Amino acid sequence: MIGCGAGESALHLVEHVAPQTNILAVDLASNSVEIAQKLFPHPQIQYQQMDVITDTIDGSWDVIVMPDVLEHIPLDGRDVLFEKLNTLLSDRGILLITCPAPNARRSRRRAENTLSQIVDEDVSLEDLMQPGSRTAD
């Protein structure tokens, strides 16, 4: 799981979706990983702080889950991310990406008058269907 946050989703996956699996749950924010390790420890979950674009991830993975992460990846870094994910997936591997709807995010930003993360890009269906097709303005 890339972008495990505080770990609740990783715990849900191992307890309710895939109880026979081991999960590598990573997040860029070390404080999120520390919280996950304290709040949601599980013998089948390994929490690690890492940057999935620059750090090495070993192994071949059947499923990679990326919940609400892609919008925090700069547009010019997404090609590298997708290339890396492609090398990490097994031959029949599945990549599951979720992201907020662009309109919902714009409304929230106007209400808060701030960005929720350092990078907070909209993600379109085109971005998901043809990685590398969109460039920064």
N, C-alpha and C. Protein backbone atom coordinates (compact mmCIF):
# COMPACT_ATOMS: atom_id res chain seq x y z
N MET A 1 0.85 -1.16 0.00
CA MET A 1 0.00 0.00 0.00
C MET A 1 0.90 1.23 0.00
N ILE A 2 0.70 2.07 -0.99
CA ILE A 2 1.47 3.31 -1.10
C ILE A 2 0.59 4.45 -0.60
N GLY A 3 1.06 5.14 0.42
CA GLY A 3 0.27 6.21 1.03
C GLY A 3 -0.61 5.65 2.12
N CYS A 4 0.00 4.95 3.08
CA CYS A 4 -0.78 4.27 4.12
C CYS A 4 -1.33 5.24 5.16
N GLY A 5 -0.82 6.46 5.18
CA GLY A 5 -1.32 7.42 6.18
C GLY A 5 -1.16 6.86 7.58
N ALA A 6 -2.19 6.98 8.39
CA ALA A 6 -2.14 6.54 9.78
C ALA A 6 -2.34 5.04 9.94
N GLY A 7 -2.53 4.29 8.83
CA GLY A 7 -2.55 2.84 8.89
C GLY A 7 -3.89 2.15 8.95
N GLU A 8 -4.96 2.90 9.12
CA GLU A 8 -6.27 2.28 9.28
C GLU A 8 -6.68 1.47 8.04
N SER A 9 -6.37 1.98 6.85
CA SER A 9 -6.74 1.26 5.62
C SER A 9 -5.94 -0.03 5.48
N ALA A 10 -4.68 -0.01 5.84
CA ALA A 10 -3.87 -1.23 5.78
C ALA A 10 -4.43 -2.29 6.72
N LEU A 11 -4.82 -1.89 7.90
CA LEU A 11 -5.41 -2.83 8.86
C LEU A 11 -6.72 -3.38 8.32
N HIS A 12 -7.54 -2.52 7.73
CA HIS A 12 -8.81 -2.97 7.14
C HIS A 12 -8.55 -4.01 6.05
N LEU A 13 -7.56 -3.76 5.20
CA LEU A 13 -7.25 -4.71 4.13
C LEU A 13 -6.87 -6.08 4.68
N VAL A 14 -6.00 -6.10 5.67
CA VAL A 14 -5.53 -7.38 6.19
C VAL A 14 -6.60 -8.09 7.03
N GLU A 15 -7.48 -7.35 7.66
CA GLU A 15 -8.50 -7.98 8.50
C GLU A 15 -9.77 -8.35 7.74
N HIS A 16 -10.11 -7.60 6.68
CA HIS A 16 -11.41 -7.80 6.04
C HIS A 16 -11.36 -8.13 4.55
N VAL A 17 -10.28 -7.80 3.87
CA VAL A 17 -10.23 -7.99 2.42
C VAL A 17 -9.30 -9.14 2.04
N ALA A 18 -8.11 -9.14 2.58
CA ALA A 18 -7.11 -10.14 2.21
C ALA A 18 -6.41 -10.67 3.46
N PRO A 19 -7.11 -11.48 4.25
CA PRO A 19 -6.55 -11.90 5.54
C PRO A 19 -5.36 -12.85 5.44
N GLN A 20 -5.10 -13.43 4.28
CA GLN A 20 -3.98 -14.36 4.13
C GLN A 20 -2.73 -13.69 3.56
N THR A 21 -2.72 -12.38 3.48
CA THR A 21 -1.62 -11.69 2.81
C THR A 21 -0.74 -10.93 3.80
N ASN A 22 0.42 -10.57 3.32
CA ASN A 22 1.29 -9.66 4.06
C ASN A 22 1.28 -8.34 3.31
N ILE A 23 1.29 -7.25 4.06
CA ILE A 23 1.18 -5.92 3.46
C ILE A 23 2.40 -5.09 3.81
N LEU A 24 2.99 -4.51 2.78
CA LEU A 24 4.00 -3.47 2.97
C LEU A 24 3.25 -2.15 2.82
N ALA A 25 3.17 -1.40 3.90
CA ALA A 25 2.44 -0.13 3.90
C ALA A 25 3.45 1.00 4.06
N VAL A 26 3.54 1.84 3.03
CA VAL A 26 4.54 2.90 3.03
C VAL A 26 3.88 4.27 2.96
N ASP A 27 4.58 5.25 3.50
CA ASP A 27 4.12 6.63 3.43
C ASP A 27 5.35 7.53 3.43
N LEU A 28 5.24 8.64 2.75
CA LEU A 28 6.32 9.62 2.70
C LEU A 28 6.54 10.28 4.06
N ALA A 29 5.46 10.47 4.80
CA ALA A 29 5.52 11.18 6.09
C ALA A 29 5.89 10.23 7.22
N SER A 30 7.05 10.47 7.81
CA SER A 30 7.51 9.60 8.90
C SER A 30 6.56 9.64 10.10
N ASN A 31 5.94 10.80 10.35
CA ASN A 31 5.00 10.87 11.48
C ASN A 31 3.77 10.00 11.24
N SER A 32 3.33 9.87 9.99
CA SER A 32 2.20 8.99 9.68
C SER A 32 2.57 7.54 9.94
N VAL A 33 3.77 7.16 9.56
CA VAL A 33 4.24 5.78 9.78
C VAL A 33 4.33 5.49 11.27
N GLU A 34 4.84 6.44 12.04
CA GLU A 34 4.94 6.26 13.50
C GLU A 34 3.55 6.08 14.11
N ILE A 35 2.60 6.88 13.67
CA ILE A 35 1.22 6.77 14.17
C ILE A 35 0.64 5.41 13.80
N ALA A 36 0.83 4.99 12.54
CA ALA A 36 0.31 3.70 12.08
C ALA A 36 0.88 2.55 12.92
N GLN A 37 2.17 2.60 13.18
CA GLN A 37 2.80 1.54 13.97
C GLN A 37 2.23 1.47 15.38
N LYS A 38 1.85 2.61 15.95
CA LYS A 38 1.31 2.64 17.30
C LYS A 38 -0.18 2.31 17.34
N LEU A 39 -0.96 2.86 16.40
CA LEU A 39 -2.41 2.69 16.44
C LEU A 39 -2.91 1.40 15.79
N PHE A 40 -2.24 0.95 14.74
CA PHE A 40 -2.75 -0.18 13.97
C PHE A 40 -1.68 -1.24 13.71
N PRO A 41 -1.01 -1.70 14.76
CA PRO A 41 0.00 -2.74 14.54
C PRO A 41 -0.68 -4.07 14.17
N HIS A 42 0.00 -4.84 13.35
CA HIS A 42 -0.51 -6.15 12.97
C HIS A 42 0.69 -6.95 12.48
N PRO A 43 0.77 -8.24 12.83
CA PRO A 43 1.93 -9.03 12.42
C PRO A 43 2.08 -9.18 10.90
N GLN A 44 1.02 -8.96 10.15
CA GLN A 44 1.08 -9.11 8.70
C GLN A 44 1.29 -7.77 7.98
N ILE A 45 1.46 -6.70 8.74
CA ILE A 45 1.68 -5.37 8.14
C ILE A 45 3.06 -4.87 8.54
N GLN A 46 3.82 -4.47 7.55
CA GLN A 46 5.11 -3.83 7.79
C GLN A 46 4.99 -2.37 7.33
N TYR A 47 5.08 -1.44 8.26
CA TYR A 47 5.01 -0.01 7.94
C TYR A 47 6.42 0.52 7.70
N GLN A 48 6.59 1.31 6.63
CA GLN A 48 7.90 1.92 6.35
C GLN A 48 7.71 3.32 5.82
N GLN A 49 8.63 4.20 6.22
CA GLN A 49 8.66 5.55 5.65
C GLN A 49 9.53 5.47 4.41
N MET A 50 9.00 5.91 3.26
CA MET A 50 9.80 5.95 2.04
C MET A 50 9.14 6.83 1.00
N ASP A 51 9.96 7.27 0.07
CA ASP A 51 9.51 7.99 -1.11
C ASP A 51 9.48 6.97 -2.24
N VAL A 52 8.29 6.64 -2.72
CA VAL A 52 8.15 5.56 -3.70
C VAL A 52 8.82 5.89 -5.02
N ILE A 53 9.07 7.14 -5.29
CA ILE A 53 9.70 7.51 -6.55
C ILE A 53 11.22 7.33 -6.46
N THR A 54 11.82 7.69 -5.34
CA THR A 54 13.29 7.66 -5.26
C THR A 54 13.84 6.47 -4.48
N ASP A 55 13.09 5.91 -3.55
CA ASP A 55 13.59 4.80 -2.74
C ASP A 55 13.36 3.46 -3.44
N THR A 56 14.12 2.47 -3.05
CA THR A 56 14.02 1.13 -3.63
C THR A 56 12.98 0.31 -2.90
N ILE A 57 12.12 -0.31 -3.67
CA ILE A 57 11.14 -1.27 -3.14
C ILE A 57 11.47 -2.60 -3.79
N ASP A 58 11.69 -3.62 -2.99
CA ASP A 58 12.03 -4.92 -3.52
C ASP A 58 10.79 -5.77 -3.73
N GLY A 59 10.92 -6.75 -4.60
CA GLY A 59 9.88 -7.73 -4.78
C GLY A 59 9.00 -7.49 -5.98
N SER A 60 8.13 -8.45 -6.19
CA SER A 60 7.11 -8.40 -7.23
C SER A 60 5.77 -8.50 -6.51
N TRP A 61 4.87 -7.60 -6.83
CA TRP A 61 3.64 -7.46 -6.06
C TRP A 61 2.43 -7.80 -6.91
N ASP A 62 1.50 -8.55 -6.31
CA ASP A 62 0.26 -8.93 -7.01
C ASP A 62 -0.74 -7.78 -7.02
N VAL A 63 -0.72 -6.98 -5.98
CA VAL A 63 -1.64 -5.85 -5.88
C VAL A 63 -0.88 -4.67 -5.27
N ILE A 64 -1.03 -3.51 -5.88
CA ILE A 64 -0.53 -2.26 -5.30
C ILE A 64 -1.72 -1.34 -5.15
N VAL A 65 -1.96 -0.90 -3.94
CA VAL A 65 -3.07 0.00 -3.63
C VAL A 65 -2.48 1.38 -3.36
N MET A 66 -3.05 2.39 -4.01
CA MET A 66 -2.57 3.77 -3.86
C MET A 66 -3.78 4.68 -3.58
N PRO A 67 -4.21 4.76 -2.30
CA PRO A 67 -5.39 5.54 -1.97
C PRO A 67 -5.10 7.04 -1.79
N ASP A 68 -5.70 7.85 -2.64
CA ASP A 68 -5.57 9.30 -2.54
C ASP A 68 -4.11 9.76 -2.44
N VAL A 69 -3.30 9.27 -3.37
CA VAL A 69 -1.88 9.61 -3.42
C VAL A 69 -1.54 10.37 -4.70
N LEU A 70 -2.09 9.94 -5.82
CA LEU A 70 -1.68 10.46 -7.11
C LEU A 70 -1.80 11.99 -7.20
N GLU A 71 -2.78 12.55 -6.56
CA GLU A 71 -2.96 14.01 -6.61
C GLU A 71 -1.85 14.76 -5.89
N HIS A 72 -1.05 14.04 -5.11
CA HIS A 72 0.07 14.67 -4.39
C HIS A 72 1.41 14.46 -5.11
N ILE A 73 1.36 13.81 -6.25
CA ILE A 73 2.57 13.60 -7.06
C ILE A 73 2.60 14.70 -8.12
N PRO A 74 3.67 15.47 -8.20
CA PRO A 74 3.74 16.51 -9.24
C PRO A 74 3.57 15.89 -10.62
N LEU A 75 2.96 16.64 -11.51
CA LEU A 75 2.71 16.14 -12.86
C LEU A 75 3.98 15.62 -13.52
N ASP A 76 5.09 16.32 -13.34
CA ASP A 76 6.32 15.89 -13.99
C ASP A 76 6.97 14.69 -13.32
N GLY A 77 6.43 14.21 -12.22
CA GLY A 77 6.95 13.02 -11.56
C GLY A 77 6.11 11.78 -11.78
N ARG A 78 4.98 11.94 -12.42
CA ARG A 78 4.08 10.80 -12.57
C ARG A 78 4.58 9.74 -13.54
N ASP A 79 5.28 10.14 -14.60
CA ASP A 79 5.82 9.15 -15.53
C ASP A 79 6.79 8.22 -14.81
N VAL A 80 7.66 8.79 -14.00
CA VAL A 80 8.63 8.00 -13.24
C VAL A 80 7.89 7.06 -12.28
N LEU A 81 6.86 7.59 -11.62
CA LEU A 81 6.08 6.77 -10.69
C LEU A 81 5.45 5.59 -11.42
N PHE A 82 4.78 5.85 -12.54
CA PHE A 82 4.11 4.76 -13.25
C PHE A 82 5.12 3.75 -13.81
N GLU A 83 6.27 4.20 -14.25
CA GLU A 83 7.31 3.27 -14.71
C GLU A 83 7.74 2.36 -13.56
N LYS A 84 7.93 2.95 -12.40
CA LYS A 84 8.36 2.17 -11.24
C LYS A 84 7.28 1.18 -10.83
N LEU A 85 6.03 1.64 -10.78
CA LEU A 85 4.93 0.74 -10.41
C LEU A 85 4.83 -0.41 -11.39
N ASN A 86 5.05 -0.14 -12.65
CA ASN A 86 5.00 -1.18 -13.68
C ASN A 86 6.05 -2.26 -13.44
N THR A 87 7.23 -1.84 -12.98
CA THR A 87 8.29 -2.83 -12.70
C THR A 87 8.01 -3.61 -11.42
N LEU A 88 7.23 -3.05 -10.51
CA LEU A 88 6.93 -3.71 -9.24
C LEU A 88 5.79 -4.71 -9.34
N LEU A 89 4.90 -4.53 -10.31
CA LEU A 89 3.74 -5.42 -10.44
C LEU A 89 4.15 -6.76 -11.04
N SER A 90 3.59 -7.83 -10.50
CA SER A 90 3.79 -9.15 -11.10
C SER A 90 3.10 -9.18 -12.46
N ASP A 91 3.33 -10.24 -13.21
CA ASP A 91 2.76 -10.35 -14.56
C ASP A 91 1.25 -10.16 -14.59
N ARG A 92 0.58 -10.62 -13.58
CA ARG A 92 -0.88 -10.46 -13.51
C ARG A 92 -1.28 -9.48 -12.41
N GLY A 93 -0.35 -8.60 -12.06
CA GLY A 93 -0.58 -7.67 -10.97
C GLY A 93 -1.64 -6.61 -11.29
N ILE A 94 -2.21 -6.09 -10.23
CA ILE A 94 -3.28 -5.08 -10.32
C ILE A 94 -2.84 -3.83 -9.56
N LEU A 95 -3.07 -2.69 -10.18
CA LEU A 95 -2.83 -1.39 -9.54
C LEU A 95 -4.17 -0.76 -9.27
N LEU A 96 -4.46 -0.47 -8.01
CA LEU A 96 -5.72 0.16 -7.61
C LEU A 96 -5.41 1.57 -7.13
N ILE A 97 -5.92 2.57 -7.86
CA ILE A 97 -5.69 3.97 -7.54
C ILE A 97 -7.02 4.63 -7.23
N THR A 98 -7.08 5.36 -6.13
CA THR A 98 -8.24 6.21 -5.87
C THR A 98 -7.74 7.65 -5.76
N CYS A 99 -8.62 8.58 -6.12
CA CYS A 99 -8.29 10.00 -5.98
C CYS A 99 -9.60 10.78 -5.86
N PRO A 100 -9.54 11.92 -5.20
CA PRO A 100 -10.75 12.73 -5.04
C PRO A 100 -11.21 13.30 -6.37
N ALA A 101 -12.49 13.51 -6.48
CA ALA A 101 -13.05 14.14 -7.68
C ALA A 101 -12.55 15.58 -7.76
N PRO A 102 -12.13 16.04 -8.95
CA PRO A 102 -11.59 17.41 -9.07
C PRO A 102 -12.55 18.48 -8.56
N ASN A 103 -13.82 18.38 -8.86
CA ASN A 103 -14.77 19.41 -8.41
C ASN A 103 -14.89 19.46 -6.89
N ALA A 104 -14.88 18.31 -6.26
CA ALA A 104 -14.96 18.28 -4.79
C ALA A 104 -13.73 18.93 -4.18
N ARG A 105 -12.56 18.68 -4.76
CA ARG A 105 -11.34 19.25 -4.23
C ARG A 105 -11.31 20.76 -4.42
N ARG A 106 -11.76 21.24 -5.59
CA ARG A 106 -11.78 22.70 -5.82
C ARG A 106 -12.69 23.39 -4.82
N SER A 107 -13.85 22.80 -4.56
CA SER A 107 -14.79 23.39 -3.59
C SER A 107 -14.16 23.44 -2.21
N ARG A 108 -13.48 22.37 -1.81
CA ARG A 108 -12.86 22.33 -0.50
C ARG A 108 -11.75 23.37 -0.40
N ARG A 109 -10.94 23.52 -1.48
CA ARG A 109 -9.85 24.50 -1.46
C ARG A 109 -10.41 25.91 -1.32
N ARG A 110 -11.50 26.21 -2.04
CA ARG A 110 -12.09 27.55 -1.93
C ARG A 110 -12.57 27.80 -0.50
N ALA A 111 -13.20 26.78 0.09
CA ALA A 111 -13.72 26.94 1.45
C ALA A 111 -12.58 27.12 2.46
N GLU A 112 -11.50 26.37 2.27
CA GLU A 112 -10.38 26.44 3.21
C GLU A 112 -9.38 27.52 2.84
N ASN A 113 -9.41 27.93 1.56
CA ASN A 113 -8.46 28.90 1.02
C ASN A 113 -7.01 28.45 1.23
N THR A 114 -6.79 27.14 1.08
CA THR A 114 -5.45 26.58 1.24
C THR A 114 -5.37 25.24 0.52
N LEU A 115 -4.19 24.75 0.31
CA LEU A 115 -3.98 23.41 -0.22
C LEU A 115 -3.83 22.46 0.96
N SER A 116 -4.31 21.24 0.80
CA SER A 116 -4.22 20.29 1.90
C SER A 116 -2.86 19.60 1.97
N GLN A 117 -2.10 19.61 0.89
CA GLN A 117 -0.78 18.99 0.86
C GLN A 117 0.16 19.92 0.11
N ILE A 118 1.44 19.60 0.13
CA ILE A 118 2.43 20.39 -0.59
C ILE A 118 2.11 20.41 -2.08
N VAL A 119 1.81 19.25 -2.63
CA VAL A 119 1.37 19.14 -4.02
C VAL A 119 -0.07 18.69 -3.98
N ASP A 120 -0.92 19.35 -4.70
CA ASP A 120 -2.33 19.01 -4.66
C ASP A 120 -2.90 19.24 -6.05
N GLU A 121 -2.59 18.34 -6.98
CA GLU A 121 -3.00 18.46 -8.38
C GLU A 121 -4.32 17.75 -8.62
N ASP A 122 -5.09 18.24 -9.57
CA ASP A 122 -6.26 17.51 -10.00
C ASP A 122 -5.82 16.30 -10.81
N VAL A 123 -6.58 15.22 -10.72
CA VAL A 123 -6.32 14.01 -11.48
C VAL A 123 -7.55 13.74 -12.34
N SER A 124 -7.34 13.66 -13.64
CA SER A 124 -8.45 13.40 -14.55
C SER A 124 -8.45 11.93 -14.96
N LEU A 125 -9.52 11.50 -15.59
CA LEU A 125 -9.59 10.14 -16.11
C LEU A 125 -8.49 9.93 -17.15
N GLU A 126 -8.20 10.96 -17.95
CA GLU A 126 -7.13 10.88 -18.94
C GLU A 126 -5.78 10.61 -18.27
N ASP A 127 -5.54 11.21 -17.12
CA ASP A 127 -4.30 10.99 -16.39
C ASP A 127 -4.14 9.51 -16.01
N LEU A 128 -5.25 8.87 -15.68
CA LEU A 128 -5.21 7.48 -15.25
C LEU A 128 -5.14 6.52 -16.44
N MET A 129 -5.75 6.90 -17.54
CA MET A 129 -5.78 6.03 -18.72
C MET A 129 -4.50 6.10 -19.54
N GLN A 130 -3.88 7.27 -19.60
CA GLN A 130 -2.68 7.47 -20.41
C GLN A 130 -1.64 8.20 -19.59
N PRO A 131 -0.97 7.49 -18.68
CA PRO A 131 0.06 8.18 -17.88
C PRO A 131 1.05 8.89 -18.81
N GLY A 132 1.41 10.09 -18.43
CA GLY A 132 2.36 10.87 -19.22
C GLY A 132 1.71 11.72 -20.28
N SER A 133 0.37 11.65 -20.40
CA SER A 133 -0.31 12.41 -21.45
C SER A 133 -0.54 13.86 -21.08
N ARG A 134 -0.42 14.19 -19.80
CA ARG A 134 -0.67 15.55 -19.34
C ARG A 134 0.63 16.13 -18.82
N THR A 135 0.88 17.36 -19.14
CA THR A 135 2.09 18.02 -18.64
C THR A 135 1.69 19.24 -17.84
N ALA A 136 2.59 19.66 -16.99
CA ALA A 136 2.33 20.87 -16.18
C ALA A 136 2.24 22.09 -17.09
N ASP A 137 1.36 23.00 -16.73
CA ASP A 137 1.18 24.24 -17.50
C ASP A 137 2.30 25.21 -17.26
